[in-house]
PDB file of all heavy atoms in Angstrom:
ATOM      1  N   TYR A   1       4.818  -3.665  15.558  1.00  0.00           N
ATOM      2  CA  TYR A   1       5.102  -3.371  16.969  1.00  0.00           C
ATOM      3  C   TYR A   1       4.056  -2.381  17.493  1.00  0.00           C
ATOM      4  O   TYR A   1       3.618  -1.481  16.806  1.00  0.00           O
ATOM      5  CB  TYR A   1       6.467  -2.696  17.128  1.00  0.00           C
ATOM      6  CG  TYR A   1       7.639  -3.681  17.167  1.00  0.00           C
ATOM      7  CD1 TYR A   1       8.520  -3.754  16.095  1.00  0.00           C
ATOM      8  CD2 TYR A   1       7.824  -4.461  18.274  1.00  0.00           C
ATOM      9  CE1 TYR A   1       9.583  -4.614  16.127  1.00  0.00           C
ATOM     10  CE2 TYR A   1       8.916  -5.344  18.321  1.00  0.00           C
ATOM     11  CZ  TYR A   1       9.791  -5.418  17.252  1.00  0.00           C
ATOM     12  OH  TYR A   1      10.839  -6.295  17.290  1.00  0.00           O
ATOM     13  N   MET A   2       3.630  -2.585  18.711  1.00  0.00           N
ATOM     14  CA  MET A   2       2.859  -1.585  19.391  1.00  0.00           C
ATOM     15  C   MET A   2       3.717  -0.339  19.474  1.00  0.00           C
ATOM     16  O   MET A   2       4.889  -0.407  19.858  1.00  0.00           O
ATOM     17  CB  MET A   2       2.421  -2.078  20.801  1.00  0.00           C
ATOM     18  CG  MET A   2       1.369  -1.256  21.460  1.00  0.00           C
ATOM     19  SD  MET A   2       0.912  -1.928  23.115  1.00  0.00           S
ATOM     20  CE  MET A   2       0.091  -3.436  22.586  1.00  0.00           C
ATOM     21  N   ARG A   3       3.173   0.785  19.108  1.00  0.00           N
ATOM     22  CA  ARG A   3       3.948   2.003  18.907  1.00  0.00           C
ATOM     23  C   ARG A   3       4.895   2.302  20.063  1.00  0.00           C
ATOM     24  O   ARG A   3       4.482   2.284  21.213  1.00  0.00           O
ATOM     25  CB  ARG A   3       3.007   3.182  18.689  1.00  0.00           C
ATOM     26  CG  ARG A   3       3.703   4.523  18.415  1.00  0.00           C
ATOM     27  CD  ARG A   3       2.711   5.621  18.087  1.00  0.00           C
ATOM     28  NE  ARG A   3       3.375   6.884  17.911  1.00  0.00           N
ATOM     29  CZ  ARG A   3       3.572   7.745  18.925  1.00  0.00           C
ATOM     30  NH1 ARG A   3       3.158   7.469  20.157  1.00  0.00           N
ATOM     31  NH2 ARG A   3       4.208   8.905  18.700  1.00  0.00           N
ATOM     32  N   ASN A   4       6.177   2.544  19.736  1.00  0.00           N
ATOM     33  CA  ASN A   4       7.197   2.950  20.679  1.00  0.00           C
ATOM     34  C   ASN A   4       7.406   1.958  21.830  1.00  0.00           C
ATOM     35  O   ASN A   4       7.736   2.318  22.940  1.00  0.00           O
ATOM     36  CB  ASN A   4       6.865   4.329  21.260  1.00  0.00           C
ATOM     37  CG  ASN A   4       6.962   5.429  20.258  1.00  0.00           C
ATOM     38  OD1 ASN A   4       7.352   5.204  19.109  1.00  0.00           O
ATOM     39  ND2 ASN A   4       6.651   6.674  20.647  1.00  0.00           N
ATOM     40  N   THR A   5       7.238   0.668  21.506  1.00  0.00           N
ATOM     41  CA  THR A   5       7.459  -0.380  22.518  1.00  0.00           C
ATOM     42  C   THR A   5       8.216  -1.561  21.905  1.00  0.00           C
ATOM     43  O   THR A   5       8.432  -1.623  20.700  1.00  0.00           O
ATOM     44  CB  THR A   5       6.135  -0.917  23.101  1.00  0.00           C
ATOM     45  OG1 THR A   5       5.505  -1.742  22.135  1.00  0.00           O
ATOM     46  CG2 THR A   5       5.185   0.249  23.492  1.00  0.00           C
ATOM     47  N   ALA A   6       8.544  -2.500  22.750  1.00  0.00           N
ATOM     48  CA  ALA A   6       9.068  -3.788  22.326  1.00  0.00           C
ATOM     49  C   ALA A   6       8.000  -4.892  22.396  1.00  0.00           C
ATOM     50  O   ALA A   6       8.287  -6.043  22.627  1.00  0.00           O
ATOM     51  CB  ALA A   6      10.266  -4.173  23.217  1.00  0.00           C
ATOM     52  N   ILE A   7       6.773  -4.496  22.220  1.00  0.00           N
ATOM     53  CA  ILE A   7       5.619  -5.420  22.243  1.00  0.00           C
ATOM     54  C   ILE A   7       5.157  -5.651  20.822  1.00  0.00           C
ATOM     55  O   ILE A   7       4.893  -4.736  20.094  1.00  0.00           O
ATOM     56  CB  ILE A   7       4.478  -4.814  23.086  1.00  0.00           C
ATOM     57  CG1 ILE A   7       4.932  -4.499  24.509  1.00  0.00           C
ATOM     58  CG2 ILE A   7       3.267  -5.730  23.077  1.00  0.00           C
ATOM     59  CD1 ILE A   7       3.985  -3.619  25.296  1.00  0.00           C
ATOM     60  N   LEU A   8       5.107  -6.920  20.435  1.00  0.00           N
ATOM     61  CA  LEU A   8       4.856  -7.294  19.038  1.00  0.00           C
ATOM     62  C   LEU A   8       3.431  -7.838  18.924  1.00  0.00           C
ATOM     63  O   LEU A   8       3.002  -8.684  19.721  1.00  0.00           O
ATOM     64  CB  LEU A   8       5.868  -8.346  18.614  1.00  0.00           C
ATOM     65  CG  LEU A   8       5.873  -8.714  17.121  1.00  0.00           C
ATOM     66  CD1 LEU A   8       6.275  -7.528  16.253  1.00  0.00           C
ATOM     67  CD2 LEU A   8       6.840  -9.869  16.870  1.00  0.00           C
ATOM     68  N   GLU A   9       2.733  -7.414  17.884  1.00  0.00           N
ATOM     69  CA  GLU A   9       1.368  -7.874  17.619  1.00  0.00           C
ATOM     70  C   GLU A   9       1.348  -8.540  16.255  1.00  0.00           C
ATOM     71  O   GLU A   9       1.820  -7.975  15.257  1.00  0.00           O
ATOM     72  CB  GLU A   9       0.383  -6.715  17.635  1.00  0.00           C
ATOM     73  CG  GLU A   9       0.247  -6.030  18.986  1.00  0.00           C
ATOM     74  CD  GLU A   9      -0.729  -4.863  18.967  1.00  0.00           C
ATOM     75  OE1 GLU A   9      -0.807  -4.167  17.933  1.00  0.00           O
ATOM     76  OE2 GLU A   9      -1.396  -4.656  20.001  1.00  0.00           O
ATOM     77  N   THR A  10       0.758  -9.767  16.200  1.00  0.00           N
ATOM     78  CA  THR A  10       0.641 -10.504  14.942  1.00  0.00           C
ATOM     79  C   THR A  10      -0.845 -10.890  14.778  1.00  0.00           C
ATOM     80  O   THR A  10      -1.443 -11.442  15.723  1.00  0.00           O
ATOM     81  CB  THR A  10       1.465 -11.766  14.959  1.00  0.00           C
ATOM     82  OG1 THR A  10       2.827 -11.451  15.267  1.00  0.00           O
ATOM     83  CG2 THR A  10       1.455 -12.458  13.594  1.00  0.00           C
ATOM     84  N   ILE A  11      -1.424 -10.620  13.646  1.00  0.00           N
ATOM     85  CA  ILE A  11      -2.804 -11.017  13.337  1.00  0.00           C
ATOM     86  C   ILE A  11      -2.774 -12.110  12.290  1.00  0.00           C
ATOM     87  O   ILE A  11      -2.192 -11.943  11.220  1.00  0.00           O
ATOM     88  CB  ILE A  11      -3.611  -9.792  12.839  1.00  0.00           C
ATOM     89  CG1 ILE A  11      -3.735  -8.729  13.961  1.00  0.00           C
ATOM     90  CG2 ILE A  11      -5.008 -10.235  12.395  1.00  0.00           C
ATOM     91  CD1 ILE A  11      -4.424  -7.462  13.509  1.00  0.00           C
ATOM     92  N   LEU A  12      -3.392 -13.241  12.623  1.00  0.00           N
ATOM     93  CA  LEU A  12      -3.502 -14.374  11.718  1.00  0.00           C
ATOM     94  C   LEU A  12      -4.922 -14.448  11.194  1.00  0.00           C
ATOM     95  O   LEU A  12      -5.890 -14.271  11.956  1.00  0.00           O
ATOM     96  CB  LEU A  12      -3.154 -15.670  12.425  1.00  0.00           C
ATOM     97  CG  LEU A  12      -1.777 -15.753  13.117  1.00  0.00           C
ATOM     98  CD1 LEU A  12      -1.610 -17.127  13.795  1.00  0.00           C
ATOM     99  CD2 LEU A  12      -0.656 -15.483  12.149  1.00  0.00           C
ATOM    100  N   SER A  13      -5.045 -14.733   9.888  1.00  0.00           N
ATOM    101  CA  SER A  13      -6.363 -14.857   9.247  1.00  0.00           C
ATOM    102  C   SER A  13      -6.446 -16.180   8.520  1.00  0.00           C
ATOM    103  O   SER A  13      -5.449 -16.640   7.924  1.00  0.00           O
ATOM    104  CB  SER A  13      -6.621 -13.717   8.278  1.00  0.00           C
ATOM    105  OG  SER A  13      -6.439 -12.424   8.895  1.00  0.00           O
ATOM    106  N   ASP A  14      -7.626 -16.809   8.523  1.00  0.00           N
ATOM    107  CA  ASP A  14      -7.817 -18.024   7.728  1.00  0.00           C
ATOM    108  C   ASP A  14      -8.606 -17.667   6.450  1.00  0.00           C
ATOM    109  O   ASP A  14      -9.018 -16.539   6.236  1.00  0.00           O
ATOM    110  CB  ASP A  14      -8.466 -19.140   8.528  1.00  0.00           C
ATOM    111  CG  ASP A  14      -9.910 -18.825   8.926  1.00  0.00           C
ATOM    112  OD1 ASP A  14     -10.520 -17.931   8.345  1.00  0.00           O
ATOM    113  OD2 ASP A  14     -10.388 -19.503   9.871  1.00  0.00           O
ATOM    114  N   ALA A  15      -8.818 -18.670   5.622  1.00  0.00           N
ATOM    115  CA  ALA A  15      -9.443 -18.433   4.321  1.00  0.00           C
ATOM    116  C   ALA A  15     -10.897 -17.978   4.439  1.00  0.00           C
ATOM    117  O   ALA A  15     -11.466 -17.395   3.517  1.00  0.00           O
ATOM    118  CB  ALA A  15      -9.371 -19.733   3.492  1.00  0.00           C
ATOM    119  N   GLU A  16     -11.528 -18.225   5.600  1.00  0.00           N
ATOM    120  CA  GLU A  16     -12.925 -17.858   5.815  1.00  0.00           C
ATOM    121  C   GLU A  16     -13.093 -16.529   6.512  1.00  0.00           C
ATOM    122  O   GLU A  16     -14.190 -16.137   6.864  1.00  0.00           O
ATOM    123  CB  GLU A  16     -13.631 -18.975   6.602  1.00  0.00           C
ATOM    124  CG  GLU A  16     -13.671 -20.279   5.859  1.00  0.00           C
ATOM    125  CD  GLU A  16     -14.326 -21.394   6.675  1.00  0.00           C
ATOM    126  OE1 GLU A  16     -14.690 -21.134   7.844  1.00  0.00           O
ATOM    127  OE2 GLU A  16     -14.449 -22.496   6.143  1.00  0.00           O
ATOM    128  N   GLY A  17     -11.979 -15.845   6.801  1.00  0.00           N
ATOM    129  CA  GLY A  17     -12.027 -14.531   7.430  1.00  0.00           C
ATOM    130  C   GLY A  17     -11.967 -14.552   8.941  1.00  0.00           C
ATOM    131  O   GLY A  17     -12.098 -13.492   9.567  1.00  0.00           O
ATOM    132  N   ASN A  18     -11.791 -15.700   9.554  1.00  0.00           N
ATOM    133  CA  ASN A  18     -11.617 -15.755  11.011  1.00  0.00           C
ATOM    134  C   ASN A  18     -10.218 -15.209  11.355  1.00  0.00           C
ATOM    135  O   ASN A  18      -9.264 -15.451  10.615  1.00  0.00           O
ATOM    136  CB  ASN A  18     -11.739 -17.181  11.511  1.00  0.00           C
ATOM    137  CG  ASN A  18     -13.089 -17.804  11.173  1.00  0.00           C
ATOM    138  OD1 ASN A  18     -14.128 -17.237  11.534  1.00  0.00           O
ATOM    139  ND2 ASN A  18     -13.065 -18.948  10.509  1.00  0.00           N
ATOM    140  N   GLN A  19     -10.164 -14.475  12.465  1.00  0.00           N
ATOM    141  CA  GLN A  19      -8.884 -13.838  12.829  1.00  0.00           C
ATOM    142  C   GLN A  19      -8.600 -13.980  14.296  1.00  0.00           C
ATOM    143  O   GLN A  19      -9.515 -13.977  15.134  1.00  0.00           O
ATOM    144  CB  GLN A  19      -8.941 -12.327  12.487  1.00  0.00           C
ATOM    145  CG  GLN A  19      -8.890 -11.990  10.999  1.00  0.00           C
ATOM    146  CD  GLN A  19      -8.730 -10.519  10.780  1.00  0.00           C
ATOM    147  OE1 GLN A  19      -9.260  -9.687  11.517  1.00  0.00           O
ATOM    148  NE2 GLN A  19      -7.974 -10.156   9.740  1.00  0.00           N
ATOM    149  N   VAL A  20      -7.299 -14.043  14.606  1.00  0.00           N
ATOM    150  CA  VAL A  20      -6.834 -13.987  15.990  1.00  0.00           C
ATOM    151  C   VAL A  20      -5.664 -13.010  16.059  1.00  0.00           C
ATOM    152  O   VAL A  20      -4.969 -12.736  15.052  1.00  0.00           O
ATOM    153  CB  VAL A  20      -6.358 -15.371  16.498  1.00  0.00           C
ATOM    154  CG1 VAL A  20      -7.508 -16.371  16.463  1.00  0.00           C
ATOM    155  CG2 VAL A  20      -5.118 -15.843  15.760  1.00  0.00           C
ATOM    156  N   LYS A  21      -5.469 -12.445  17.237  1.00  0.00           N
ATOM    157  CA  LYS A  21      -4.326 -11.553  17.479  1.00  0.00           C
ATOM    158  C   LYS A  21      -3.419 -12.168  18.538  1.00  0.00           C
ATOM    159  O   LYS A  21      -3.917 -12.599  19.590  1.00  0.00           O
ATOM    160  CB  LYS A  21      -4.783 -10.147  17.916  1.00  0.00           C
ATOM    161  CG  LYS A  21      -3.585  -9.189  18.110  1.00  0.00           C
ATOM    162  CD  LYS A  21      -4.036  -7.773  18.360  1.00  0.00           C
ATOM    163  CE  LYS A  21      -4.593  -7.557  19.748  1.00  0.00           C
ATOM    164  NZ  LYS A  21      -4.807  -6.126  20.049  1.00  0.00           N
ATOM    165  N   ILE A  22      -2.129 -12.173  18.242  1.00  0.00           N
ATOM    166  CA  ILE A  22      -1.093 -12.634  19.206  1.00  0.00           C
ATOM    167  C   ILE A  22      -0.338 -11.402  19.677  1.00  0.00           C
ATOM    168  O   ILE A  22       0.167 -10.616  18.862  1.00  0.00           O
ATOM    169  CB  ILE A  22      -0.129 -13.625  18.534  1.00  0.00           C
ATOM    170  CG1 ILE A  22      -0.872 -14.770  17.834  1.00  0.00           C
ATOM    171  CG2 ILE A  22       0.847 -14.166  19.569  1.00  0.00           C
ATOM    172  CD1 ILE A  22       0.006 -15.578  16.931  1.00  0.00           C
ATOM    173  N   THR A  23      -0.241 -11.257  20.974  1.00  0.00           N
ATOM    174  CA  THR A  23       0.529 -10.160  21.564  1.00  0.00           C
ATOM    175  C   THR A  23       1.702 -10.777  22.331  1.00  0.00           C
ATOM    176  O   THR A  23       1.499 -11.590  23.242  1.00  0.00           O
ATOM    177  CB  THR A  23      -0.307  -9.310  22.519  1.00  0.00           C
ATOM    178  OG1 THR A  23      -1.439  -8.787  21.800  1.00  0.00           O
ATOM    179  CG2 THR A  23       0.510  -8.154  23.049  1.00  0.00           C
ATOM    180  N   ASP A  24       2.915 -10.451  21.912  1.00  0.00           N
ATOM    181  CA  ASP A  24       4.137 -11.042  22.513  1.00  0.00           C
ATOM    182  C   ASP A  24       4.984  -9.984  23.162  1.00  0.00           C
ATOM    183  O   ASP A  24       5.226  -8.900  22.589  1.00  0.00           O
ATOM    184  CB  ASP A  24       4.962 -11.706  21.396  1.00  0.00           C
ATOM    185  CG  ASP A  24       4.336 -12.969  20.874  1.00  0.00           C
ATOM    186  OD1 ASP A  24       3.927 -13.818  21.685  1.00  0.00           O
ATOM    187  OD2 ASP A  24       4.224 -13.128  19.632  1.00  0.00           O
ATOM    188  N   PHE A  25       5.519 -10.279  24.339  1.00  0.00           N
ATOM    189  CA  PHE A  25       6.425  -9.370  25.031  1.00  0.00           C
ATOM    190  C   PHE A  25       7.137 -10.090  26.158  1.00  0.00           C
ATOM    191  O   PHE A  25       6.730 -11.161  26.607  1.00  0.00           O
ATOM    192  CB  PHE A  25       5.651  -8.145  25.568  1.00  0.00           C
ATOM    193  CG  PHE A  25       4.707  -8.449  26.702  1.00  0.00           C
ATOM    194  CD1 PHE A  25       5.060  -8.259  28.023  1.00  0.00           C
ATOM    195  CD2 PHE A  25       3.435  -8.974  26.424  1.00  0.00           C
ATOM    196  CE1 PHE A  25       4.189  -8.561  29.050  1.00  0.00           C
ATOM    197  CE2 PHE A  25       2.537  -9.249  27.448  1.00  0.00           C
ATOM    198  CZ  PHE A  25       2.942  -9.067  28.758  1.00  0.00           C
ATOM    199  N   ALA A  26       8.194  -9.477  26.637  1.00  0.00           N
ATOM    200  CA  ALA A  26       8.873  -9.899  27.834  1.00  0.00           C
ATOM    201  C   ALA A  26       8.701  -8.789  28.861  1.00  0.00           C
ATOM    202  O   ALA A  26       8.941  -7.610  28.556  1.00  0.00           O
ATOM    203  CB  ALA A  26      10.379 -10.153  27.576  1.00  0.00           C
ATOM    204  N   PRO A  27       8.270  -9.084  30.064  1.00  0.00           N
ATOM    205  CA  PRO A  27       7.889  -8.018  31.022  1.00  0.00           C
ATOM    206  C   PRO A  27       9.131  -7.205  31.437  1.00  0.00           C
ATOM    207  O   PRO A  27      10.177  -7.740  31.732  1.00  0.00           O
ATOM    208  CB  PRO A  27       7.318  -8.782  32.196  1.00  0.00           C
ATOM    209  CG  PRO A  27       7.893 -10.163  32.073  1.00  0.00           C
ATOM    210  CD  PRO A  27       8.046 -10.449  30.614  1.00  0.00           C
ATOM    211  N   ARG A  28       8.940  -5.898  31.427  1.00  0.00           N
ATOM    212  CA  ARG A  28       9.973  -4.976  31.881  1.00  0.00           C
ATOM    213  C   ARG A  28       9.277  -3.724  32.408  1.00  0.00           C
ATOM    214  O   ARG A  28       8.571  -3.037  31.648  1.00  0.00           O
ATOM    215  CB  ARG A  28      10.968  -4.596  30.782  1.00  0.00           C
ATOM    216  CG  ARG A  28      12.038  -3.614  31.224  1.00  0.00           C
ATOM    217  CD  ARG A  28      13.015  -3.290  30.120  1.00  0.00           C
ATOM    218  NE  ARG A  28      13.942  -2.266  30.526  1.00  0.00           N
ATOM    219  CZ  ARG A  28      15.076  -2.473  31.197  1.00  0.00           C
ATOM    220  NH1 ARG A  28      15.440  -3.716  31.494  1.00  0.00           N
ATOM    221  NH2 ARG A  28      15.864  -1.468  31.570  1.00  0.00           N
ATOM    222  N   PHE A  29       9.449  -3.433  33.715  1.00  0.00           N
ATOM    223  CA  PHE A  29       8.788  -2.246  34.274  1.00  0.00           C
ATOM    224  C   PHE A  29       9.393  -1.971  35.652  1.00  0.00           C
ATOM    225  O   PHE A  29      10.108  -2.813  36.238  1.00  0.00           O
ATOM    226  CB  PHE A  29       7.273  -2.409  34.376  1.00  0.00           C
ATOM    227  CG  PHE A  29       6.818  -3.711  34.998  1.00  0.00           C
ATOM    228  CD1 PHE A  29       6.693  -3.850  36.383  1.00  0.00           C
ATOM    229  CD2 PHE A  29       6.521  -4.789  34.188  1.00  0.00           C
ATOM    230  CE1 PHE A  29       6.299  -5.045  36.961  1.00  0.00           C
ATOM    231  CE2 PHE A  29       6.104  -5.994  34.750  1.00  0.00           C
ATOM    232  CZ  PHE A  29       5.966  -6.123  36.124  1.00  0.00           C
ATOM    233  N   LYS A  30       9.112  -0.800  36.160  1.00  0.00           N
ATOM    234  CA  LYS A  30       9.630  -0.392  37.471  1.00  0.00           C
ATOM    235  C   LYS A  30       8.753  -1.001  38.543  1.00  0.00           C
ATOM    236  O   LYS A  30       7.500  -0.915  38.492  1.00  0.00           O
ATOM    237  CB  LYS A  30       9.623   1.148  37.563  1.00  0.00           C
ATOM    238  CG  LYS A  30      10.612   1.797  36.632  1.00  0.00           C
ATOM    239  CD  LYS A  30      10.557   3.320  36.738  1.00  0.00           C
ATOM    240  CE  LYS A  30      11.533   3.967  35.726  1.00  0.00           C
ATOM    241  NZ  LYS A  30      11.489   5.453  35.803  1.00  0.00           N
TER     242      LYS A  30
END
C-alpha cells in the first residue's frame, strides 16, 4: 500500500527483468 492510504501498488517482473507498476484505487476526496 502507498503509505497511510487505500492506494495499492503492484510491481510485476518478467524473467528478463522487465517491470511494470500497477497503481489501483477508488477515488475519494473533498
